[in-house]
Amino acid sequence: YPIDTSFWRPLPSGLARQVMGLDQDKIIIAFGATGGLADSRKGGDLFLQAIQIVLSQCREDQSQRLQFLIFGQVDSVPSLKLHPSISMFGELSDDYSLRAIYSASDLFVLPSRQDNLPLTGLEAHACGTPVVGFSVGGLVDIIDHHQTGALAQPFDPESLAAEILWCINDSKRRSTLGVKARLKAEVLWNPLTIAKSYTEIY
């Protein structure tokens, strides 16, 4: 299905971070889903496990540069002892805020246990943000492994952490992944392309 790639497009990262009140110097890794961590299908718990692995494998100066964003959470999570580098953004109810979050992020993590073709992956790509997820369901149709992001072994937090690190450890690589992600969105998911595909089928 299509998304409006004229709306879902990259904003300047610095502007997006300023609008959302985010640090300009951080490496920002985002996760978001309806309900945030509440839906086990979306793999928020696996994301939290991967975060701990990522932080344990970074030098102290590297880990201090990382910021993890979680959006979509409606209820508070008092039972969780979240790492100081994790920020809860709550529910984002408008597409402008979502576009700003994608554009502000260096990486979007989509650790679903079960999914078809999740919009967050399409939107992140369209905003020039690489995506990391498990090699399962429709995620393999969104992510081109080591081209527009990375695919991890289902449902292994260590593999997910390794692919997150692969994406973020090289700034030039991150930039290249983002450019290719945007190009894929323009080619495959714009309404004219999808409409033409349906016309050809019928």
N, C-alpha and C. Protein backbone atom coordinates (compact mmCIF):
# COMPACT_ATOMS: atom_id res chain seq x y z
N TYR A 1 0.83 -1.19 0.00
CA TYR A 1 0.00 0.00 0.00
C TYR A 1 0.87 1.25 0.00
N PRO A 2 0.31 2.37 -0.47
CA PRO A 2 1.12 3.58 -0.63
C PRO A 2 1.15 4.45 0.63
N ILE A 3 2.15 5.30 0.69
CA ILE A 3 2.15 6.41 1.64
C ILE A 3 2.48 7.68 0.87
N ASP A 4 2.09 8.80 1.41
CA ASP A 4 2.30 10.08 0.75
C ASP A 4 3.76 10.51 0.94
N THR A 5 4.59 10.19 -0.03
CA THR A 5 6.02 10.50 0.09
C THR A 5 6.32 11.98 -0.06
N SER A 6 5.31 12.77 -0.47
CA SER A 6 5.53 14.22 -0.48
C SER A 6 5.39 14.81 0.92
N PHE A 7 4.61 14.11 1.79
CA PHE A 7 4.54 14.52 3.20
C PHE A 7 5.62 13.82 4.01
N TRP A 8 5.68 12.50 3.89
CA TRP A 8 6.69 11.73 4.62
C TRP A 8 8.01 11.87 3.89
N ARG A 9 8.74 12.90 4.29
CA ARG A 9 10.03 13.21 3.67
C ARG A 9 10.97 13.72 4.76
N PRO A 10 12.26 13.68 4.52
CA PRO A 10 13.19 14.12 5.57
C PRO A 10 13.07 15.61 5.87
N LEU A 11 13.08 15.91 7.15
CA LEU A 11 13.29 17.28 7.61
C LEU A 11 14.76 17.43 7.96
N PRO A 12 15.32 18.64 7.91
CA PRO A 12 16.70 18.81 8.40
C PRO A 12 16.81 18.30 9.82
N SER A 13 17.79 17.45 10.07
CA SER A 13 17.92 16.81 11.37
C SER A 13 18.01 17.82 12.51
N GLY A 14 18.81 18.85 12.32
CA GLY A 14 18.96 19.86 13.37
C GLY A 14 17.65 20.55 13.71
N LEU A 15 16.86 20.87 12.68
CA LEU A 15 15.56 21.51 12.91
C LEU A 15 14.61 20.55 13.62
N ALA A 16 14.58 19.29 13.18
CA ALA A 16 13.69 18.31 13.80
C ALA A 16 14.03 18.13 15.28
N ARG A 17 15.33 18.09 15.58
CA ARG A 17 15.73 17.93 16.98
C ARG A 17 15.38 19.16 17.81
N GLN A 18 15.52 20.33 17.21
CA GLN A 18 15.17 21.56 17.92
C GLN A 18 13.68 21.57 18.24
N VAL A 19 12.86 21.21 17.25
CA VAL A 19 11.40 21.20 17.43
C VAL A 19 10.99 20.23 18.53
N MET A 20 11.64 19.07 18.57
CA MET A 20 11.27 18.03 19.53
C MET A 20 12.04 18.12 20.84
N GLY A 21 12.89 19.14 20.98
CA GLY A 21 13.64 19.34 22.22
C GLY A 21 14.70 18.28 22.46
N LEU A 22 15.35 17.83 21.40
CA LEU A 22 16.35 16.76 21.49
C LEU A 22 17.76 17.31 21.33
N ASP A 23 18.71 16.63 21.94
CA ASP A 23 20.11 17.04 21.92
C ASP A 23 20.66 16.92 20.50
N GLN A 24 21.35 17.97 20.06
CA GLN A 24 21.91 17.97 18.72
C GLN A 24 23.10 17.02 18.56
N ASP A 25 23.75 16.68 19.66
CA ASP A 25 25.00 15.92 19.58
C ASP A 25 24.84 14.42 19.86
N LYS A 26 23.63 13.98 20.13
CA LYS A 26 23.40 12.58 20.45
C LYS A 26 23.21 11.73 19.20
N ILE A 27 23.50 10.44 19.32
CA ILE A 27 23.07 9.46 18.34
C ILE A 27 21.73 8.93 18.82
N ILE A 28 20.68 9.21 18.07
CA ILE A 28 19.33 8.94 18.54
C ILE A 28 18.79 7.68 17.86
N ILE A 29 18.34 6.75 18.69
CA ILE A 29 17.78 5.48 18.23
C ILE A 29 16.35 5.40 18.74
N ALA A 30 15.38 5.28 17.82
CA ALA A 30 13.98 5.37 18.20
C ALA A 30 13.27 4.03 18.04
N PHE A 31 12.27 3.85 18.89
CA PHE A 31 11.32 2.74 18.77
C PHE A 31 9.95 3.30 19.04
N GLY A 32 8.96 2.91 18.24
CA GLY A 32 7.62 3.39 18.49
C GLY A 32 6.57 2.44 17.96
N ALA A 33 5.47 2.38 18.67
CA ALA A 33 4.34 1.54 18.27
C ALA A 33 3.12 2.00 19.04
N THR A 34 1.94 1.68 18.52
CA THR A 34 0.72 1.98 19.27
C THR A 34 0.78 1.26 20.61
N GLY A 35 0.70 2.03 21.67
CA GLY A 35 0.83 1.44 23.01
C GLY A 35 2.26 1.34 23.49
N GLY A 36 3.21 1.71 22.66
CA GLY A 36 4.61 1.68 23.08
C GLY A 36 5.07 0.28 23.42
N LEU A 37 5.40 0.07 24.69
CA LEU A 37 5.92 -1.22 25.17
C LEU A 37 4.82 -2.22 25.50
N ALA A 38 3.56 -1.81 25.37
CA ALA A 38 2.46 -2.63 25.89
C ALA A 38 2.17 -3.86 25.04
N ASP A 39 2.37 -3.78 23.73
CA ASP A 39 2.00 -4.87 22.83
C ASP A 39 3.21 -5.76 22.57
N SER A 40 3.16 -6.98 23.06
CA SER A 40 4.32 -7.88 22.92
C SER A 40 4.61 -8.20 21.47
N ARG A 41 3.60 -8.12 20.59
CA ARG A 41 3.84 -8.39 19.17
C ARG A 41 4.86 -7.42 18.58
N LYS A 42 4.89 -6.20 19.12
CA LYS A 42 5.78 -5.16 18.59
C LYS A 42 7.19 -5.26 19.15
N GLY A 43 7.41 -6.12 20.14
CA GLY A 43 8.76 -6.43 20.59
C GLY A 43 9.47 -5.37 21.40
N GLY A 44 8.70 -4.54 22.11
CA GLY A 44 9.34 -3.52 22.94
C GLY A 44 10.26 -4.11 23.98
N ASP A 45 9.89 -5.27 24.54
CA ASP A 45 10.74 -5.92 25.53
C ASP A 45 12.07 -6.37 24.92
N LEU A 46 12.03 -6.81 23.66
CA LEU A 46 13.26 -7.21 22.97
C LEU A 46 14.13 -5.99 22.68
N PHE A 47 13.48 -4.86 22.40
CA PHE A 47 14.21 -3.61 22.20
C PHE A 47 14.96 -3.21 23.47
N LEU A 48 14.28 -3.31 24.62
CA LEU A 48 14.93 -2.97 25.89
C LEU A 48 16.11 -3.89 26.18
N GLN A 49 15.97 -5.18 25.87
CA GLN A 49 17.09 -6.10 26.07
C GLN A 49 18.25 -5.75 25.15
N ALA A 50 17.94 -5.40 23.90
CA ALA A 50 19.00 -5.03 22.96
C ALA A 50 19.72 -3.77 23.40
N ILE A 51 18.98 -2.82 23.98
CA ILE A 51 19.60 -1.59 24.48
C ILE A 51 20.67 -1.92 25.52
N GLN A 52 20.34 -2.80 26.44
CA GLN A 52 21.30 -3.16 27.49
C GLN A 52 22.56 -3.77 26.90
N ILE A 53 22.40 -4.58 25.87
CA ILE A 53 23.55 -5.20 25.20
C ILE A 53 24.37 -4.14 24.48
N VAL A 54 23.70 -3.25 23.78
CA VAL A 54 24.40 -2.17 23.08
C VAL A 54 25.23 -1.35 24.05
N LEU A 55 24.63 -0.95 25.16
CA LEU A 55 25.33 -0.13 26.15
C LEU A 55 26.50 -0.87 26.78
N SER A 56 26.34 -2.18 26.97
CA SER A 56 27.42 -2.96 27.59
C SER A 56 28.61 -3.13 26.65
N GLN A 57 28.37 -3.00 25.35
CA GLN A 57 29.44 -3.21 24.38
C GLN A 57 30.08 -1.92 23.91
N CYS A 58 29.58 -0.80 24.39
CA CYS A 58 30.15 0.50 24.03
C CYS A 58 31.12 0.99 25.10
N ARG A 59 32.11 1.74 24.65
CA ARG A 59 32.94 2.45 25.62
C ARG A 59 32.08 3.49 26.33
N GLU A 60 32.54 3.94 27.49
CA GLU A 60 31.75 4.89 28.27
C GLU A 60 31.48 6.16 27.48
N ASP A 61 32.49 6.65 26.77
CA ASP A 61 32.29 7.88 26.00
C ASP A 61 31.30 7.67 24.86
N GLN A 62 31.27 6.43 24.30
CA GLN A 62 30.30 6.14 23.25
C GLN A 62 28.89 6.04 23.81
N SER A 63 28.74 5.33 24.93
CA SER A 63 27.41 5.13 25.50
C SER A 63 26.79 6.45 25.95
N GLN A 64 27.62 7.41 26.33
CA GLN A 64 27.10 8.71 26.75
C GLN A 64 26.53 9.50 25.58
N ARG A 65 26.90 9.12 24.37
CA ARG A 65 26.39 9.81 23.18
C ARG A 65 25.07 9.22 22.69
N LEU A 66 24.67 8.07 23.25
CA LEU A 66 23.47 7.40 22.78
C LEU A 66 22.23 7.89 23.51
N GLN A 67 21.16 8.09 22.76
CA GLN A 67 19.87 8.40 23.35
C GLN A 67 18.82 7.52 22.68
N PHE A 68 18.01 6.86 23.48
CA PHE A 68 16.97 5.97 22.98
C PHE A 68 15.60 6.60 23.23
N LEU A 69 14.78 6.66 22.20
CA LEU A 69 13.45 7.24 22.31
C LEU A 69 12.40 6.15 22.16
N ILE A 70 11.40 6.18 23.02
CA ILE A 70 10.26 5.28 22.91
C ILE A 70 9.00 6.14 22.83
N PHE A 71 8.24 5.98 21.74
CA PHE A 71 7.00 6.74 21.63
C PHE A 71 5.82 5.79 21.43
N GLY A 72 4.64 6.29 21.73
CA GLY A 72 3.42 5.51 21.62
C GLY A 72 2.89 5.02 22.95
N GLN A 73 3.69 5.18 24.02
CA GLN A 73 3.29 4.70 25.35
C GLN A 73 2.21 5.61 25.92
N VAL A 74 1.05 5.04 26.21
CA VAL A 74 -0.05 5.81 26.78
C VAL A 74 0.06 5.83 28.30
N ASP A 75 0.29 4.65 28.89
CA ASP A 75 0.38 4.54 30.34
C ASP A 75 1.83 4.64 30.80
N SER A 76 2.01 5.07 32.03
CA SER A 76 3.35 5.10 32.59
C SER A 76 3.83 3.68 32.85
N VAL A 77 5.12 3.52 32.99
CA VAL A 77 5.69 2.19 33.23
C VAL A 77 6.52 2.24 34.52
N PRO A 78 5.87 2.42 35.66
CA PRO A 78 6.61 2.59 36.91
C PRO A 78 7.41 1.35 37.31
N SER A 79 7.00 0.17 36.81
CA SER A 79 7.68 -1.05 37.21
C SER A 79 9.03 -1.22 36.51
N LEU A 80 9.24 -0.45 35.45
CA LEU A 80 10.48 -0.57 34.69
C LEU A 80 11.53 0.40 35.24
N LYS A 81 12.72 -0.12 35.45
CA LYS A 81 13.84 0.74 35.81
C LYS A 81 14.59 1.06 34.52
N LEU A 82 14.19 2.15 33.89
CA LEU A 82 14.74 2.49 32.59
C LEU A 82 16.09 3.16 32.74
N HIS A 83 16.98 2.85 31.82
CA HIS A 83 18.30 3.47 31.80
C HIS A 83 18.14 4.97 31.57
N PRO A 84 19.03 5.79 32.15
CA PRO A 84 18.91 7.24 31.99
C PRO A 84 18.94 7.71 30.53
N SER A 85 19.50 6.89 29.64
CA SER A 85 19.58 7.30 28.24
C SER A 85 18.28 7.05 27.48
N ILE A 86 17.28 6.47 28.14
CA ILE A 86 16.00 6.17 27.50
C ILE A 86 14.99 7.26 27.84
N SER A 87 14.40 7.84 26.80
CA SER A 87 13.39 8.88 26.99
C SER A 87 12.04 8.36 26.49
N MET A 88 11.01 8.54 27.32
CA MET A 88 9.65 8.15 26.95
C MET A 88 8.93 9.36 26.39
N PHE A 89 8.50 9.29 25.14
CA PHE A 89 7.86 10.43 24.49
C PHE A 89 6.35 10.38 24.55
N GLY A 90 5.79 9.28 25.07
CA GLY A 90 4.35 9.18 25.15
C GLY A 90 3.72 9.02 23.79
N GLU A 91 2.41 9.27 23.74
CA GLU A 91 1.67 9.09 22.50
C GLU A 91 1.82 10.33 21.62
N LEU A 92 2.17 10.10 20.37
CA LEU A 92 2.25 11.19 19.39
C LEU A 92 1.01 11.11 18.52
N SER A 93 0.17 12.12 18.61
CA SER A 93 -1.15 12.04 17.98
C SER A 93 -1.23 12.73 16.63
N ASP A 94 -0.13 13.30 16.15
CA ASP A 94 -0.18 13.96 14.85
C ASP A 94 1.01 13.55 14.01
N ASP A 95 0.81 13.54 12.70
CA ASP A 95 1.84 13.08 11.78
C ASP A 95 3.04 14.01 11.72
N TYR A 96 2.85 15.29 12.02
CA TYR A 96 3.97 16.23 11.99
C TYR A 96 5.01 15.88 13.07
N SER A 97 4.52 15.51 14.25
CA SER A 97 5.44 15.10 15.32
C SER A 97 6.16 13.80 14.95
N LEU A 98 5.42 12.88 14.35
CA LEU A 98 6.03 11.61 13.93
C LEU A 98 7.13 11.87 12.89
N ARG A 99 6.82 12.72 11.92
CA ARG A 99 7.83 13.02 10.89
C ARG A 99 9.06 13.66 11.52
N ALA A 100 8.85 14.52 12.51
CA ALA A 100 9.99 15.15 13.18
C ALA A 100 10.82 14.13 13.95
N ILE A 101 10.15 13.17 14.61
CA ILE A 101 10.88 12.13 15.35
C ILE A 101 11.71 11.28 14.39
N TYR A 102 11.10 10.83 13.30
CA TYR A 102 11.85 10.04 12.32
C TYR A 102 13.06 10.82 11.81
N SER A 103 12.84 12.08 11.48
CA SER A 103 13.91 12.90 10.90
C SER A 103 15.01 13.21 11.90
N ALA A 104 14.64 13.28 13.17
CA ALA A 104 15.62 13.57 14.22
C ALA A 104 16.44 12.34 14.58
N SER A 105 15.94 11.16 14.22
CA SER A 105 16.58 9.90 14.65
C SER A 105 17.63 9.44 13.64
N ASP A 106 18.68 8.87 14.17
CA ASP A 106 19.70 8.26 13.32
C ASP A 106 19.30 6.85 12.89
N LEU A 107 18.42 6.23 13.66
CA LEU A 107 18.04 4.85 13.40
C LEU A 107 16.66 4.60 14.01
N PHE A 108 15.83 3.83 13.31
CA PHE A 108 14.55 3.40 13.85
C PHE A 108 14.59 1.89 13.99
N VAL A 109 14.22 1.40 15.17
CA VAL A 109 14.25 -0.04 15.44
C VAL A 109 12.81 -0.56 15.46
N LEU A 110 12.58 -1.64 14.69
CA LEU A 110 11.25 -2.20 14.54
C LEU A 110 11.33 -3.69 14.89
N PRO A 111 11.36 -4.03 16.19
CA PRO A 111 11.66 -5.40 16.62
C PRO A 111 10.42 -6.29 16.75
N SER A 112 9.51 -6.20 15.79
CA SER A 112 8.25 -6.93 15.88
C SER A 112 8.45 -8.44 15.88
N ARG A 113 7.66 -9.10 16.69
CA ARG A 113 7.60 -10.56 16.63
C ARG A 113 6.68 -11.01 15.49
N GLN A 114 5.69 -10.17 15.19
CA GLN A 114 4.70 -10.50 14.16
C GLN A 114 4.22 -9.21 13.55
N ASP A 115 4.33 -9.09 12.24
CA ASP A 115 3.91 -7.86 11.58
C ASP A 115 3.72 -8.12 10.09
N ASN A 116 2.95 -7.25 9.45
CA ASN A 116 2.77 -7.39 8.01
C ASN A 116 3.67 -6.39 7.28
N LEU A 117 3.18 -5.19 7.05
CA LEU A 117 3.99 -4.14 6.43
C LEU A 117 3.80 -2.88 7.27
N PRO A 118 4.43 -2.82 8.46
CA PRO A 118 4.12 -1.74 9.41
C PRO A 118 4.44 -0.36 8.87
N LEU A 119 3.49 0.53 9.06
CA LEU A 119 3.63 1.90 8.56
C LEU A 119 4.86 2.61 9.13
N THR A 120 5.20 2.31 10.39
CA THR A 120 6.36 3.00 10.97
C THR A 120 7.62 2.74 10.15
N GLY A 121 7.76 1.53 9.62
CA GLY A 121 8.92 1.22 8.79
C GLY A 121 8.91 1.98 7.47
N LEU A 122 7.74 2.06 6.84
CA LEU A 122 7.62 2.81 5.59
C LEU A 122 7.88 4.29 5.82
N GLU A 123 7.27 4.83 6.89
CA GLU A 123 7.41 6.26 7.18
C GLU A 123 8.84 6.62 7.53
N ALA A 124 9.50 5.78 8.33
CA ALA A 124 10.89 6.04 8.69
C ALA A 124 11.76 6.06 7.44
N HIS A 125 11.60 5.06 6.57
CA HIS A 125 12.36 5.03 5.32
C HIS A 125 12.11 6.30 4.51
N ALA A 126 10.84 6.68 4.39
CA ALA A 126 10.50 7.86 3.59
C ALA A 126 11.13 9.13 4.16
N CYS A 127 11.36 9.14 5.47
CA CYS A 127 12.00 10.28 6.12
C CYS A 127 13.53 10.15 6.13
N GLY A 128 14.04 9.17 5.40
CA GLY A 128 15.49 9.02 5.28
C GLY A 128 16.15 8.41 6.50
N THR A 129 15.38 7.60 7.25
CA THR A 129 15.91 6.99 8.47
C THR A 129 16.05 5.48 8.28
N PRO A 130 17.25 4.93 8.43
CA PRO A 130 17.43 3.48 8.31
C PRO A 130 16.62 2.75 9.38
N VAL A 131 16.26 1.50 9.08
CA VAL A 131 15.44 0.70 9.98
C VAL A 131 16.14 -0.62 10.26
N VAL A 132 16.13 -1.03 11.53
CA VAL A 132 16.62 -2.35 11.93
C VAL A 132 15.44 -3.14 12.49
N GLY A 133 15.30 -4.38 12.04
CA GLY A 133 14.24 -5.24 12.54
C GLY A 133 14.64 -6.69 12.39
N PHE A 134 13.75 -7.56 12.79
CA PHE A 134 13.99 -8.99 12.65
C PHE A 134 13.60 -9.45 11.25
N SER A 135 14.27 -10.47 10.77
CA SER A 135 13.98 -11.03 9.45
C SER A 135 12.74 -11.90 9.54
N VAL A 136 11.59 -11.23 9.56
CA VAL A 136 10.32 -11.93 9.76
C VAL A 136 9.20 -11.12 9.12
N GLY A 137 8.16 -11.81 8.63
CA GLY A 137 6.98 -11.13 8.12
C GLY A 137 7.29 -10.14 7.03
N GLY A 138 6.57 -9.01 7.06
CA GLY A 138 6.75 -7.99 6.04
C GLY A 138 7.99 -7.13 6.21
N LEU A 139 8.72 -7.32 7.29
CA LEU A 139 9.92 -6.51 7.50
C LEU A 139 10.97 -6.78 6.42
N VAL A 140 10.98 -8.00 5.89
CA VAL A 140 11.95 -8.31 4.83
C VAL A 140 11.59 -7.61 3.53
N ASP A 141 10.33 -7.15 3.40
CA ASP A 141 9.94 -6.38 2.23
C ASP A 141 10.24 -4.90 2.39
N ILE A 142 10.41 -4.46 3.63
CA ILE A 142 10.74 -3.05 3.89
C ILE A 142 12.25 -2.83 3.89
N ILE A 143 12.96 -3.66 4.62
CA ILE A 143 14.39 -3.45 4.87
C ILE A 143 15.23 -4.25 3.88
N ASP A 144 16.08 -3.58 3.16
CA ASP A 144 17.11 -4.25 2.36
C ASP A 144 18.35 -4.36 3.25
N HIS A 145 18.71 -5.60 3.57
CA HIS A 145 19.76 -5.84 4.57
C HIS A 145 21.07 -5.17 4.19
N HIS A 146 21.57 -4.33 5.09
CA HIS A 146 22.81 -3.58 4.94
C HIS A 146 22.78 -2.65 3.73
N GLN A 147 21.56 -2.30 3.30
CA GLN A 147 21.39 -1.31 2.24
C GLN A 147 20.52 -0.14 2.71
N THR A 148 19.36 -0.46 3.31
CA THR A 148 18.48 0.58 3.86
C THR A 148 18.31 0.42 5.37
N GLY A 149 19.07 -0.49 5.94
CA GLY A 149 18.99 -0.80 7.36
C GLY A 149 19.61 -2.16 7.59
N ALA A 150 19.02 -2.94 8.49
CA ALA A 150 19.59 -4.26 8.76
C ALA A 150 18.52 -5.19 9.32
N LEU A 151 18.67 -6.49 9.00
CA LEU A 151 17.77 -7.53 9.48
C LEU A 151 18.52 -8.42 10.46
N ALA A 152 17.93 -8.59 11.64
CA ALA A 152 18.53 -9.43 12.68
C ALA A 152 17.84 -10.79 12.73
N GLN A 153 18.50 -11.75 13.38
CA GLN A 153 17.93 -13.07 13.52
C GLN A 153 16.74 -13.02 14.49
N PRO A 154 15.60 -13.57 14.07
CA PRO A 154 14.44 -13.59 14.98
C PRO A 154 14.72 -14.55 16.15
N PHE A 155 14.34 -14.25 17.29
CA PHE A 155 13.98 -12.97 17.92
C PHE A 155 15.05 -12.78 18.96
N ASP A 156 16.25 -12.56 18.48
CA ASP A 156 17.48 -12.62 19.26
C ASP A 156 17.96 -11.20 19.60
N PRO A 157 17.85 -10.78 20.88
CA PRO A 157 18.29 -9.44 21.24
C PRO A 157 19.77 -9.18 20.94
N GLU A 158 20.61 -10.22 21.04
CA GLU A 158 22.03 -10.03 20.75
C GLU A 158 22.25 -9.74 19.27
N SER A 159 21.54 -10.44 18.42
CA SER A 159 21.62 -10.17 16.99
C SER A 159 21.08 -8.78 16.67
N LEU A 160 19.97 -8.41 17.33
CA LEU A 160 19.41 -7.07 17.14
C LEU A 160 20.40 -6.01 17.57
N ALA A 161 21.04 -6.20 18.72
CA ALA A 161 22.04 -5.25 19.21
C ALA A 161 23.21 -5.14 18.24
N ALA A 162 23.65 -6.28 17.70
CA ALA A 162 24.78 -6.27 16.77
C ALA A 162 24.45 -5.47 15.52
N GLU A 163 23.22 -5.59 15.01
CA GLU A 163 22.84 -4.84 13.81
C GLU A 163 22.65 -3.36 14.11
N ILE A 164 22.15 -3.05 15.30
CA ILE A 164 22.07 -1.64 15.71
C ILE A 164 23.46 -1.02 15.72
N LEU A 165 24.40 -1.72 16.32
CA LEU A 165 25.77 -1.21 16.39
C LEU A 165 26.38 -1.09 15.00
N TRP A 166 26.10 -2.05 14.12
CA TRP A 166 26.62 -1.98 12.76
C TRP A 166 26.15 -0.70 12.06
N CYS A 167 24.91 -0.35 12.30
CA CYS A 167 24.34 0.83 11.65
C CYS A 167 24.87 2.14 12.22
N ILE A 168 25.09 2.19 13.53
CA ILE A 168 25.40 3.49 14.15
C ILE A 168 26.89 3.76 14.29
N ASN A 169 27.72 2.73 14.18
CA ASN A 169 29.15 2.91 14.48
C ASN A 169 29.92 3.66 13.41
N ASP A 170 29.32 3.89 12.27
CA ASP A 170 30.00 4.58 11.17
C ASP A 170 29.06 5.66 10.66
N SER A 171 29.42 6.92 10.85
CA SER A 171 28.53 8.02 10.49
C SER A 171 28.28 8.09 8.99
N LYS A 172 29.31 7.80 8.20
CA LYS A 172 29.14 7.80 6.75
C LYS A 172 28.18 6.69 6.33
N ARG A 173 28.31 5.52 6.98
CA ARG A 173 27.41 4.40 6.68
C ARG A 173 25.96 4.78 7.01
N ARG A 174 25.76 5.41 8.18
CA ARG A 174 24.41 5.83 8.56
C ARG A 174 23.81 6.74 7.50
N SER A 175 24.61 7.67 7.02
CA SER A 175 24.13 8.61 6.01
C SER A 175 23.75 7.88 4.72
N THR A 176 24.59 6.96 4.29
CA THR A 176 24.33 6.21 3.06
C THR A 176 23.08 5.36 3.19
N LEU A 177 22.91 4.71 4.34
CA LEU A 177 21.71 3.91 4.58
C LEU A 177 20.46 4.78 4.49
N GLY A 178 20.53 5.99 5.05
CA GLY A 178 19.38 6.89 5.04
C GLY A 178 19.01 7.35 3.64
N VAL A 179 20.02 7.64 2.82
CA VAL A 179 19.78 8.06 1.44
C VAL A 179 19.10 6.93 0.67
N LYS A 180 19.59 5.72 0.83
CA LYS A 180 19.00 4.57 0.13
C LYS A 180 17.60 4.25 0.64
N ALA A 181 17.37 4.47 1.93
CA ALA A 181 16.04 4.25 2.48
C ALA A 181 15.03 5.20 1.84
N ARG A 182 15.39 6.47 1.75
CA ARG A 182 14.50 7.45 1.12
C ARG A 182 14.26 7.10 -0.34
N LEU A 183 15.29 6.70 -1.05
CA LEU A 183 15.14 6.36 -2.47
C LEU A 183 14.19 5.17 -2.63
N LYS A 184 14.31 4.18 -1.76
CA LYS A 184 13.41 3.02 -1.85
C LYS A 184 11.97 3.45 -1.66
N ALA A 185 11.73 4.33 -0.68
CA ALA A 185 10.37 4.81 -0.44
C ALA A 185 9.82 5.54 -1.66
N GLU A 186 10.64 6.37 -2.27
CA GLU A 186 10.20 7.12 -3.45
C GLU A 186 9.87 6.19 -4.61
N VAL A 187 10.65 5.15 -4.78
CA VAL A 187 10.48 4.24 -5.91
C VAL A 187 9.31 3.29 -5.70
N LEU A 188 9.16 2.76 -4.48
CA LEU A 188 8.21 1.65 -4.27
C LEU A 188 6.89 2.05 -3.64
N TRP A 189 6.86 3.08 -2.79
CA TRP A 189 5.67 3.28 -1.97
C TRP A 189 4.91 4.56 -2.27
N ASN A 190 5.28 5.29 -3.31
CA ASN A 190 4.50 6.48 -3.62
C ASN A 190 3.20 6.07 -4.32
N PRO A 191 2.14 6.84 -4.18
CA PRO A 191 0.82 6.43 -4.68
C PRO A 191 0.78 6.13 -6.18
N LEU A 192 1.51 6.88 -7.00
CA LEU A 192 1.47 6.64 -8.44
C LEU A 192 2.03 5.27 -8.78
N THR A 193 3.12 4.89 -8.11
CA THR A 193 3.71 3.58 -8.37
C THR A 193 2.76 2.46 -7.97
N ILE A 194 2.14 2.58 -6.79
CA ILE A 194 1.22 1.55 -6.31
C ILE A 194 0.00 1.45 -7.22
N ALA A 195 -0.56 2.61 -7.61
CA ALA A 195 -1.73 2.61 -8.50
C ALA A 195 -1.41 1.94 -9.83
N LYS A 196 -0.22 2.23 -10.36
CA LYS A 196 0.19 1.61 -11.63
C LYS A 196 0.31 0.10 -11.48
N SER A 197 0.84 -0.35 -10.33
CA SER A 197 0.97 -1.79 -10.10
C SER A 197 -0.40 -2.47 -10.07
N TYR A 198 -1.37 -1.85 -9.39
CA TYR A 198 -2.71 -2.43 -9.36
C TYR A 198 -3.33 -2.45 -10.75
N THR A 199 -3.14 -1.37 -11.50
CA THR A 199 -3.68 -1.31 -12.85
C THR A 199 -3.12 -2.42 -13.73
N GLU A 200 -1.81 -2.64 -13.61
CA GLU A 200 -1.18 -3.70 -14.41
C GLU A 200 -1.69 -5.08 -14.04
N ILE A 201 -1.94 -5.30 -12.72
CA ILE A 201 -2.46 -6.60 -12.28
C ILE A 201 -3.84 -6.85 -12.86
N TYR A 202 -4.73 -5.83 -12.76
CA TYR A 202 -6.10 -6.01 -13.26
C TYR A 202 -6.14 -6.06 -14.78
